[in-house]
Amino acid sequence: MKYSEYHVPILYGPQIPRRDRDDTRKRYSRALLTLFVPWRTVTDLCDVNQTWEEAFKLRQNRTSIHSWKIIENIQLLHE
């Protein structure tokens, strides 16, 4: 999909958690999956017998290089 204009998304709600803390890793994985992996149902993101962390690791290869740059910038907000 190609847009004729650039847009900057503004996310409302809780801040995306830190990736470098054990106590937020589940929320971090879930947040990034919902933002950067195409999905229609929850099982497109995470299988029933799978943790969010496992699902994120398995689906990382579906994330574009451009999206990874955005993810890195999100992490910079925590530093």
PDB file of N, CA and C in Angstrom:
ATOM      1  N   MET A   1       0.839  -1.156   0.000  1.00  0.00           N
ATOM      2  CA  MET A   1       0.000   0.000   0.000  1.00  0.00           C
ATOM      3  C   MET A   1       0.897   1.237   0.000  1.00  0.00           C
ATOM      4  N   LYS A   2       0.622   2.149  -0.872  1.00  0.00           N
ATOM      5  CA  LYS A   2       1.422   3.367  -0.992  1.00  0.00           C
ATOM      6  C   LYS A   2       0.523   4.566  -0.700  1.00  0.00           C
ATOM      7  N   TYR A   3       0.964   5.392   0.217  1.00  0.00           N
ATOM      8  CA  TYR A   3       0.211   6.591   0.565  1.00  0.00           C
ATOM      9  C   TYR A   3       0.790   7.794  -0.167  1.00  0.00           C
ATOM     10  N   SER A   4      -0.070   8.740  -0.513  1.00  0.00           N
ATOM     11  CA  SER A   4       0.411   9.938  -1.189  1.00  0.00           C
ATOM     12  C   SER A   4       0.955  10.967  -0.204  1.00  0.00           C
ATOM     13  N   GLU A   5       0.579  10.839   1.065  1.00  0.00           N
ATOM     14  CA  GLU A   5       1.063  11.745   2.101  1.00  0.00           C
ATOM     15  C   GLU A   5       1.613  10.929   3.264  1.00  0.00           C
ATOM     16  N   TYR A   6       2.568  11.508   3.968  1.00  0.00           N
ATOM     17  CA  TYR A   6       3.093  10.857   5.156  1.00  0.00           C
ATOM     18  C   TYR A   6       2.213  11.199   6.346  1.00  0.00           C
ATOM     19  N   HIS A   7       2.063  10.241   7.239  1.00  0.00           N
ATOM     20  CA  HIS A   7       1.280  10.441   8.450  1.00  0.00           C
ATOM     21  C   HIS A   7       2.083   9.960   9.647  1.00  0.00           C
ATOM     22  N   VAL A   8       1.870  10.588  10.762  1.00  0.00           N
ATOM     23  CA  VAL A   8       2.514  10.172  12.003  1.00  0.00           C
ATOM     24  C   VAL A   8       1.426   9.647  12.927  1.00  0.00           C
ATOM     25  N   PRO A   9       1.456   8.343  13.243  1.00  0.00           N
ATOM     26  CA  PRO A   9       0.434   7.815  14.146  1.00  0.00           C
ATOM     27  C   PRO A   9       0.676   8.308  15.568  1.00  0.00           C
ATOM     28  N   ILE A  10      -0.412   8.574  16.264  1.00  0.00           N
ATOM     29  CA  ILE A  10      -0.345   8.966  17.666  1.00  0.00           C
ATOM     30  C   ILE A  10      -1.061   7.892  18.460  1.00  0.00           C
ATOM     31  N   LEU A  11      -0.331   7.247  19.343  1.00  0.00           N
ATOM     32  CA  LEU A  11      -0.893   6.157  20.130  1.00  0.00           C
ATOM     33  C   LEU A  11      -1.437   6.700  21.440  1.00  0.00           C
ATOM     34  N   TYR A  12      -2.680   6.385  21.723  1.00  0.00           N
ATOM     35  CA  TYR A  12      -3.294   6.762  22.988  1.00  0.00           C
ATOM     36  C   TYR A  12      -3.292   5.557  23.905  1.00  0.00           C
ATOM     37  N   GLY A  13      -3.204   5.791  25.172  1.00  0.00           N
ATOM     38  CA  GLY A  13      -3.229   4.689  26.125  1.00  0.00           C
ATOM     39  C   GLY A  13      -1.895   4.551  26.817  1.00  0.00           C
ATOM     40  N   PRO A  14      -1.682   3.402  27.441  1.00  0.00           N
ATOM     41  CA  PRO A  14      -0.434   3.210  28.185  1.00  0.00           C
ATOM     42  C   PRO A  14       0.784   3.216  27.257  1.00  0.00           C
ATOM     43  N   GLN A  15       1.897   3.626  27.806  1.00  0.00           N
ATOM     44  CA  GLN A  15       3.154   3.649  27.059  1.00  0.00           C
ATOM     45  C   GLN A  15       3.588   2.220  26.729  1.00  0.00           C
ATOM     46  N   ILE A  16       4.257   2.045  25.595  1.00  0.00           N
ATOM     47  CA  ILE A  16       4.791   0.732  25.242  1.00  0.00           C
ATOM     48  C   ILE A  16       5.869   0.387  26.265  1.00  0.00           C
ATOM     49  N   PRO A  17       5.788  -0.798  26.861  1.00  0.00           N
ATOM     50  CA  PRO A  17       6.727  -1.168  27.930  1.00  0.00           C
ATOM     51  C   PRO A  17       8.168  -1.282  27.443  1.00  0.00           C
ATOM     52  N   ARG A  18       9.066  -1.293  28.407  1.00  0.00           N
ATOM     53  CA  ARG A  18      10.491  -1.496  28.131  1.00  0.00           C
ATOM     54  C   ARG A  18      10.723  -2.939  27.703  1.00  0.00           C
ATOM     55  N   ARG A  19      11.681  -3.144  26.804  1.00  0.00           N
ATOM     56  CA  ARG A  19      11.986  -4.513  26.385  1.00  0.00           C
ATOM     57  C   ARG A  19      13.031  -5.162  27.278  1.00  0.00           C
ATOM     58  N   ASP A  20      13.744  -4.359  28.046  1.00  0.00           N
ATOM     59  CA  ASP A  20      14.886  -4.869  28.799  1.00  0.00           C
ATOM     60  C   ASP A  20      14.573  -5.217  30.250  1.00  0.00           C
ATOM     61  N   ARG A  21      13.301  -5.326  30.587  1.00  0.00           N
ATOM     62  CA  ARG A  21      12.930  -5.688  31.960  1.00  0.00           C
ATOM     63  C   ARG A  21      12.065  -6.943  31.941  1.00  0.00           C
ATOM     64  N   ASP A  22      12.380  -7.882  32.820  1.00  0.00           N
ATOM     65  CA  ASP A  22      11.631  -9.141  32.874  1.00  0.00           C
ATOM     66  C   ASP A  22      10.162  -8.924  33.214  1.00  0.00           C
ATOM     67  N   ASP A  23       9.871  -7.953  34.065  1.00  0.00           N
ATOM     68  CA  ASP A  23       8.494  -7.758  34.510  1.00  0.00           C
ATOM     69  C   ASP A  23       7.596  -7.111  33.449  1.00  0.00           C
ATOM     70  N   THR A  24       8.159  -6.621  32.354  1.00  0.00           N
ATOM     71  CA  THR A  24       7.339  -6.019  31.301  1.00  0.00           C
ATOM     72  C   THR A  24       7.474  -6.734  29.956  1.00  0.00           C
ATOM     73  N   ARG A  25       8.235  -7.802  29.912  1.00  0.00           N
ATOM     74  CA  ARG A  25       8.499  -8.470  28.632  1.00  0.00           C
ATOM     75  C   ARG A  25       7.219  -9.004  27.974  1.00  0.00           C
ATOM     76  N   LYS A  26       6.294  -9.530  28.753  1.00  0.00           N
ATOM     77  CA  LYS A  26       5.038 -10.043  28.193  1.00  0.00           C
ATOM     78  C   LYS A  26       4.249  -8.905  27.544  1.00  0.00           C
ATOM     79  N   ARG A  27       4.101  -7.789  28.242  1.00  0.00           N
ATOM     80  CA  ARG A  27       3.362  -6.644  27.704  1.00  0.00           C
ATOM     81  C   ARG A  27       4.077  -6.040  26.493  1.00  0.00           C
ATOM     82  N   TYR A  28       5.402  -6.006  26.548  1.00  0.00           N
ATOM     83  CA  TYR A  28       6.195  -5.501  25.426  1.00  0.00           C
ATOM     84  C   TYR A  28       5.947  -6.353  24.177  1.00  0.00           C
ATOM     85  N   SER A  29       6.041  -7.664  24.335  1.00  0.00           N
ATOM     86  CA  SER A  29       5.841  -8.585  23.207  1.00  0.00           C
ATOM     87  C   SER A  29       4.443  -8.441  22.632  1.00  0.00           C
ATOM     88  N   ARG A  30       3.444  -8.384  23.484  1.00  0.00           N
ATOM     89  CA  ARG A  30       2.051  -8.251  23.039  1.00  0.00           C
ATOM     90  C   ARG A  30       1.839  -6.924  22.309  1.00  0.00           C
ATOM     91  N   ALA A  31       2.392  -5.848  22.836  1.00  0.00           N
ATOM     92  CA  ALA A  31       2.225  -4.533  22.209  1.00  0.00           C
ATOM     93  C   ALA A  31       2.845  -4.493  20.815  1.00  0.00           C
ATOM     94  N   LEU A  32       4.058  -5.011  20.686  1.00  0.00           N
ATOM     95  CA  LEU A  32       4.720  -4.968  19.378  1.00  0.00           C
ATOM     96  C   LEU A  32       4.048  -5.883  18.368  1.00  0.00           C
ATOM     97  N   LEU A  33       3.573  -7.023  18.819  1.00  0.00           N
ATOM     98  CA  LEU A  33       2.844  -7.905  17.902  1.00  0.00           C
ATOM     99  C   LEU A  33       1.593  -7.209  17.374  1.00  0.00           C
ATOM    100  N   THR A  34       0.838  -6.568  18.246  1.00  0.00           N
ATOM    101  CA  THR A  34      -0.402  -5.928  17.801  1.00  0.00           C
ATOM    102  C   THR A  34      -0.140  -4.732  16.894  1.00  0.00           C
ATOM    103  N   LEU A  35       0.987  -4.062  17.070  1.00  0.00           N
ATOM    104  CA  LEU A  35       1.292  -2.892  16.247  1.00  0.00           C
ATOM    105  C   LEU A  35       1.970  -3.223  14.922  1.00  0.00           C
ATOM    106  N   PHE A  36       2.793  -4.268  14.879  1.00  0.00           N
ATOM    107  CA  PHE A  36       3.654  -4.471  13.717  1.00  0.00           C
ATOM    108  C   PHE A  36       3.430  -5.771  12.946  1.00  0.00           C
ATOM    109  N   VAL A  37       2.556  -6.638  13.404  1.00  0.00           N
ATOM    110  CA  VAL A  37       2.260  -7.880  12.687  1.00  0.00           C
ATOM    111  C   VAL A  37       0.801  -7.823  12.227  1.00  0.00           C
ATOM    112  N   PRO A  38       0.542  -8.037  10.945  1.00  0.00           N
ATOM    113  CA  PRO A  38      -0.849  -8.025  10.475  1.00  0.00           C
ATOM    114  C   PRO A  38      -1.671  -9.114  11.163  1.00  0.00           C
ATOM    115  N   TRP A  39      -2.886  -8.765  11.574  1.00  0.00           N
ATOM    116  CA  TRP A  39      -3.728  -9.742  12.269  1.00  0.00           C
ATOM    117  C   TRP A  39      -5.198  -9.372  12.160  1.00  0.00           C
ATOM    118  N   ARG A  40      -6.046 -10.405  12.305  1.00  0.00           N
ATOM    119  CA  ARG A  40      -7.498 -10.217  12.349  1.00  0.00           C
ATOM    120  C   ARG A  40      -8.081 -10.786  13.631  1.00  0.00           C
ATOM    121  N   THR A  41      -7.457 -11.862  14.117  1.00  0.00           N
ATOM    122  CA  THR A  41      -7.876 -12.453  15.387  1.00  0.00           C
ATOM    123  C   THR A  41      -6.642 -12.626  16.264  1.00  0.00           C
ATOM    124  N   VAL A  42      -6.859 -12.803  17.551  1.00  0.00           N
ATOM    125  CA  VAL A  42      -5.741 -12.948  18.488  1.00  0.00           C
ATOM    126  C   VAL A  42      -4.857 -14.132  18.119  1.00  0.00           C
ATOM    127  N   THR A  43      -5.450 -15.203  17.602  1.00  0.00           N
ATOM    128  CA  THR A  43      -4.645 -16.378  17.257  1.00  0.00           C
ATOM    129  C   THR A  43      -3.721 -16.127  16.061  1.00  0.00           C
ATOM    130  N   ASP A  44      -3.953 -15.055  15.302  1.00  0.00           N
ATOM    131  CA  ASP A  44      -2.992 -14.662  14.266  1.00  0.00           C
ATOM    132  C   ASP A  44      -1.698 -14.156  14.897  1.00  0.00           C
ATOM    133  N   LEU A  45      -1.803 -13.672  16.133  1.00  0.00           N
ATOM    134  CA  LEU A  45      -0.648 -13.127  16.852  1.00  0.00           C
ATOM    135  C   LEU A  45      -0.011 -14.132  17.792  1.00  0.00           C
ATOM    136  N   CYS A  46      -0.851 -14.871  18.506  1.00  0.00           N
ATOM    137  CA  CYS A  46      -0.358 -15.766  19.551  1.00  0.00           C
ATOM    138  C   CYS A  46      -1.246 -17.003  19.602  1.00  0.00           C
ATOM    139  N   ASP A  47      -0.655 -18.164  19.425  1.00  0.00           N
ATOM    140  CA  ASP A  47      -1.411 -19.410  19.491  1.00  0.00           C
ATOM    141  C   ASP A  47      -1.862 -19.683  20.924  1.00  0.00           C
ATOM    142  N   VAL A  48      -2.851 -20.543  21.063  1.00  0.00           N
ATOM    143  CA  VAL A  48      -3.442 -20.830  22.374  1.00  0.00           C
ATOM    144  C   VAL A  48      -2.412 -21.356  23.365  1.00  0.00           C
ATOM    145  N   ASN A  49      -1.537 -22.239  22.941  1.00  0.00           N
ATOM    146  CA  ASN A  49      -0.544 -22.856  23.836  1.00  0.00           C
ATOM    147  C   ASN A  49       0.818 -22.176  23.742  1.00  0.00           C
ATOM    148  N   GLN A  50       0.815 -20.879  23.589  1.00  0.00           N
ATOM    149  CA  GLN A  50       2.051 -20.140  23.366  1.00  0.00           C
ATOM    150  C   GLN A  50       2.045 -18.881  24.237  1.00  0.00           C
ATOM    151  N   THR A  51       3.209 -18.523  24.756  1.00  0.00           N
ATOM    152  CA  THR A  51       3.296 -17.261  25.494  1.00  0.00           C
ATOM    153  C   THR A  51       3.472 -16.118  24.493  1.00  0.00           C
ATOM    154  N   TRP A  52       3.213 -14.903  24.946  1.00  0.00           N
ATOM    155  CA  TRP A  52       3.401 -13.745  24.081  1.00  0.00           C
ATOM    156  C   TRP A  52       4.861 -13.589  23.679  1.00  0.00           C
ATOM    157  N   GLU A  53       5.759 -13.919  24.603  1.00  0.00           N
ATOM    158  CA  GLU A  53       7.185 -13.831  24.296  1.00  0.00           C
ATOM    159  C   GLU A  53       7.576 -14.820  23.202  1.00  0.00           C
ATOM    160  N   GLU A  54       7.063 -16.048  23.287  1.00  0.00           N
ATOM    161  CA  GLU A  54       7.344 -17.060  22.259  1.00  0.00           C
ATOM    162  C   GLU A  54       6.779 -16.625  20.911  1.00  0.00           C
ATOM    163  N   ALA A  55       5.559 -16.113  20.930  1.00  0.00           N
ATOM    164  CA  ALA A  55       4.920 -15.663  19.697  1.00  0.00           C
ATOM    165  C   ALA A  55       5.720 -14.536  19.047  1.00  0.00           C
ATOM    166  N   PHE A  56       6.201 -13.615  19.858  1.00  0.00           N
ATOM    167  CA  PHE A  56       6.992 -12.498  19.340  1.00  0.00           C
ATOM    168  C   PHE A  56       8.282 -12.996  18.693  1.00  0.00           C
ATOM    169  N   LYS A  57       8.966 -13.909  19.349  1.00  0.00           N
ATOM    170  CA  LYS A  57      10.217 -14.448  18.797  1.00  0.00           C
ATOM    171  C   LYS A  57       9.977 -15.160  17.465  1.00  0.00           C
ATOM    172  N   LEU A  58       8.879 -15.925  17.386  1.00  0.00           N
ATOM    173  CA  LEU A  58       8.586 -16.663  16.158  1.00  0.00           C
ATOM    174  C   LEU A  58       8.170 -15.753  15.003  1.00  0.00           C
ATOM    175  N   ARG A  59       7.565 -14.626  15.313  1.00  0.00           N
ATOM    176  CA  ARG A  59       7.042 -13.747  14.272  1.00  0.00           C
ATOM    177  C   ARG A  59       7.943 -12.547  13.971  1.00  0.00           C
ATOM    178  N   GLN A  60       9.099 -12.478  14.594  1.00  0.00           N
ATOM    179  CA  GLN A  60      10.001 -11.350  14.360  1.00  0.00           C
ATOM    180  C   GLN A  60      10.407 -11.226  12.898  1.00  0.00           C
ATOM    181  N   ASN A  61      10.513 -12.349  12.217  1.00  0.00           N
ATOM    182  CA  ASN A  61      10.942 -12.300  10.816  1.00  0.00           C
ATOM    183  C   ASN A  61       9.879 -11.693   9.903  1.00  0.00           C
ATOM    184  N   ARG A  62       8.654 -11.511  10.392  1.00  0.00           N
ATOM    185  CA  ARG A  62       7.593 -10.886   9.598  1.00  0.00           C
ATOM    186  C   ARG A  62       7.615  -9.366   9.700  1.00  0.00           C
ATOM    187  N   THR A  63       8.505  -8.846  10.511  1.00  0.00           N
ATOM    188  CA  THR A  63       8.580  -7.408  10.734  1.00  0.00           C
ATOM    189  C   THR A  63       9.615  -6.803   9.791  1.00  0.00           C
ATOM    190  N   SER A  64       9.232  -5.753   9.096  1.00  0.00           N
ATOM    191  CA  SER A  64      10.122  -5.130   8.113  1.00  0.00           C
ATOM    192  C   SER A  64      11.273  -4.384   8.795  1.00  0.00           C
ATOM    193  N   ILE A  65      12.297  -4.116   8.021  1.00  0.00           N
ATOM    194  CA  ILE A  65      13.442  -3.355   8.529  1.00  0.00           C
ATOM    195  C   ILE A  65      12.989  -1.961   8.962  1.00  0.00           C
ATOM    196  N   HIS A  66      12.099  -1.366   8.189  1.00  0.00           N
ATOM    197  CA  HIS A  66      11.562  -0.046   8.548  1.00  0.00           C
ATOM    198  C   HIS A  66      10.860  -0.095   9.908  1.00  0.00           C
ATOM    199  N   SER A  67      10.072  -1.141  10.127  1.00  0.00           N
ATOM    200  CA  SER A  67       9.378  -1.285  11.412  1.00  0.00           C
ATOM    201  C   SER A  67      10.366  -1.475  12.552  1.00  0.00           C
ATOM    202  N   TRP A  68      11.454  -2.207  12.311  1.00  0.00           N
ATOM    203  CA  TRP A  68      12.464  -2.402  13.357  1.00  0.00           C
ATOM    204  C   TRP A  68      13.114  -1.082  13.749  1.00  0.00           C
ATOM    205  N   LYS A  69      13.277  -0.182  12.795  1.00  0.00           N
ATOM    206  CA  LYS A  69      13.823   1.142  13.121  1.00  0.00           C
ATOM    207  C   LYS A  69      12.868   1.898  14.039  1.00  0.00           C
ATOM    208  N   ILE A  70      11.585   1.774  13.772  1.00  0.00           N
ATOM    209  CA  ILE A  70      10.577   2.411  14.630  1.00  0.00           C
ATOM    210  C   ILE A  70      10.612   1.796  16.021  1.00  0.00           C
ATOM    211  N   ILE A  71      10.717   0.480  16.084  1.00  0.00           N
ATOM    212  CA  ILE A  71      10.775  -0.221  17.373  1.00  0.00           C
ATOM    213  C   ILE A  71      11.991   0.237  18.173  1.00  0.00           C
ATOM    214  N   GLU A  72      13.120   0.390  17.519  1.00  0.00           N
ATOM    215  CA  GLU A  72      14.321   0.873  18.206  1.00  0.00           C
ATOM    216  C   GLU A  72      14.115   2.291  18.739  1.00  0.00           C
ATOM    217  N   ASN A  73      13.442   3.127  17.962  1.00  0.00           N
ATOM    218  CA  ASN A  73      13.167   4.488  18.424  1.00  0.00           C
ATOM    219  C   ASN A  73      12.220   4.497  19.621  1.00  0.00           C
ATOM    220  N   ILE A  74      11.269   3.585  19.644  1.00  0.00           N
ATOM    221  CA  ILE A  74      10.373   3.464  20.799  1.00  0.00           C
ATOM    222  C   ILE A  74      11.183   3.133  22.038  1.00  0.00           C
ATOM    223  N   GLN A  75      12.128   2.231  21.902  1.00  0.00           N
ATOM    224  CA  GLN A  75      12.959   1.845  23.042  1.00  0.00           C
ATOM    225  C   GLN A  75      13.804   3.024  23.528  1.00  0.00           C
ATOM    226  N   LEU A  76      14.238   3.874  22.613  1.00  0.00           N
ATOM    227  CA  LEU A  76      15.040   5.038  23.002  1.00  0.00           C
ATOM    228  C   LEU A  76      14.289   5.970  23.944  1.00  0.00           C
ATOM    229  N   LEU A  77      12.968   5.985  23.854  1.00  0.00           N
ATOM    230  CA  LEU A  77      12.179   6.830  24.750  1.00  0.00           C
ATOM    231  C   LEU A  77      12.358   6.430  26.208  1.00  0.00           C
ATOM    232  N   HIS A  78      12.744   5.183  26.457  1.00  0.00           N
ATOM    233  CA  HIS A  78      12.924   4.693  27.821  1.00  0.00           C
ATOM    234  C   HIS A  78      14.318   4.982  28.364  1.00  0.00           C
ATOM    235  N   GLU A  79      15.223   5.376  27.522  1.00  0.00           N
ATOM    236  CA  GLU A  79      16.620   5.552  27.954  1.00  0.00           C
ATOM    237  C   GLU A  79      16.940   6.995  28.280  1.00  0.00           C
TER     238      GLU A  79
END
